[in-house]
Structure formats: C-alpha cells, structure tokens
Amino acid sequence: MNISVEITFTPLHNQYRERIKNFIIDLRAGGFTISETPLSTQLYGSYDALMPFLTQTIKTALGEEEKGIMHLKIFNSDRSDYVSDI
C-alpha cells in the first residue's frame, strides 16, 4: 500500500529554525518523493518502507528537543500527483 504523509515539526523554543531545517534535511535523505511547503512537508511512498523511516527520523528529532510537537497526517493513497482544480 502506498501512502501520503503530511508532517509538521514544531520545536518549542526560540532557536527553532535550525532544528526544523535539520529535520527536513533528514527527511530528504530518505529517498522518498517529497514536497515542501512553508507549513509542512509531504512524503510519499510505500507504507512498509516509509513508516519505519519516519519512526526513526521522528524519534531522533524529538530526542534532540526538550519540548516539541510532531503533527502527522497519513492518507492511504499516494497523492504526489495531486493538482488543485481551483
């Protein structure tokens, strides 16, 4: 099964930019199809490959923070080819 994941990382401190940047760099290194926006990052791929990668990447990012939020949405289809009709 292919999935689409939307993820937003929010470190809860003033020096958040570098942490978010490093998290996105780690996500890019996974080799999955990726789309970045100012508010979130979307990843697309096989559930069986993407979820273990995300589990480790999220654990690393949150482990480096005293406080932080990871907001995740998972859609059970690859939506990487979505184009708005508006």
Protein backbone atom coordinates (compact mmCIF):
# COMPACT_ATOMS: atom_id res chain seq x y z
CA MET A 1 0.00 0.00 0.00
CA ASN A 2 1.27 3.45 -0.91
CA ILE A 3 0.67 6.35 1.46
CA SER A 4 0.96 10.12 1.66
CA VAL A 5 2.20 11.65 4.90
CA GLU A 6 1.98 15.31 5.88
CA ILE A 7 4.30 16.19 8.75
CA THR A 8 4.95 19.37 10.70
CA PHE A 9 7.68 19.66 13.34
CA THR A 10 7.38 22.46 15.90
CA PRO A 11 10.23 22.83 18.41
CA LEU A 12 9.02 24.88 21.37
CA HIS A 13 11.88 27.35 21.78
CA ASN A 14 13.23 30.48 20.08
CA GLN A 15 16.05 28.77 18.13
CA TYR A 16 13.67 26.61 16.13
CA ARG A 17 14.79 27.38 12.55
CA GLU A 18 17.96 25.28 12.59
CA ARG A 19 16.15 22.29 14.15
CA ILE A 20 13.39 22.39 11.52
CA LYS A 21 15.97 22.76 8.76
CA ASN A 22 17.90 19.72 10.04
CA PHE A 23 14.69 17.69 10.29
CA ILE A 24 13.81 18.47 6.66
CA ILE A 25 17.34 17.56 5.56
CA ASP A 26 16.91 14.21 7.34
CA LEU A 27 13.56 13.67 5.59
CA ARG A 28 15.14 14.42 2.20
CA ALA A 29 17.79 11.77 2.85
CA GLY A 30 15.15 9.03 2.94
CA GLY A 31 14.91 8.78 -0.84
CA PHE A 32 11.12 9.16 -0.88
CA THR A 33 9.14 11.54 -3.07
CA ILE A 34 8.92 14.75 -1.04
CA SER A 35 7.11 18.07 -1.32
CA GLU A 36 7.88 21.01 0.98
CA THR A 37 5.69 23.98 1.84
CA PRO A 38 6.19 26.75 4.41
CA LEU A 39 3.85 24.97 6.84
CA SER A 40 4.52 21.26 6.33
CA THR A 41 6.37 18.60 4.41
CA GLN A 42 4.69 15.80 2.48
CA LEU A 43 6.29 12.42 1.84
CA TYR A 44 5.01 9.72 -0.49
CA GLY A 45 5.91 6.06 -0.71
CA SER A 46 5.28 2.51 0.38
CA TYR A 47 3.80 2.18 3.87
CA ASP A 48 6.24 -0.62 4.74
CA ALA A 49 9.26 1.50 3.79
CA LEU A 50 8.09 4.97 4.84
CA MET A 51 6.76 4.25 8.33
CA PRO A 52 9.96 2.72 9.80
CA PHE A 53 11.94 5.61 8.29
CA LEU A 54 9.57 8.16 9.83
CA THR A 55 9.60 6.39 13.19
CA GLN A 56 13.38 6.71 13.43
CA THR A 57 13.54 10.23 11.98
CA ILE A 58 10.84 11.50 14.36
CA LYS A 59 12.50 9.80 17.34
CA THR A 60 15.80 11.49 16.52
CA ALA A 61 14.23 14.93 16.07
CA LEU A 62 12.17 14.78 19.25
CA GLY A 63 15.09 13.31 21.20
CA GLU A 64 17.10 16.43 20.45
CA GLU A 65 14.40 18.72 21.89
CA GLU A 66 13.38 19.43 25.44
CA LYS A 67 9.88 20.20 24.16
CA GLY A 68 8.45 19.84 20.68
CA ILE A 69 5.37 18.86 18.72
CA MET A 70 5.21 16.49 15.76
CA HIS A 71 1.95 16.78 13.83
CA LEU A 72 1.30 13.95 11.38
CA LYS A 73 -1.43 13.12 8.88
CA ILE A 74 -1.48 9.86 6.93
CA PHE A 75 -3.56 9.25 3.81
CA ASN A 76 -3.89 5.70 2.48
CA SER A 77 -3.03 6.59 -1.10
CA ASP A 78 -0.13 8.18 -2.97
CA ARG A 79 -1.31 11.74 -3.64
CA SER A 80 2.00 13.01 -5.04
CA ASP A 81 0.39 13.76 -8.39
CA TYR A 82 -2.42 15.89 -6.87
CA VAL A 83 -3.09 19.15 -8.66
CA SER A 84 -5.67 21.62 -7.35
CA ASP A 85 -8.52 22.39 -9.73
CA ILE A 86 -9.02 25.87 -8.28
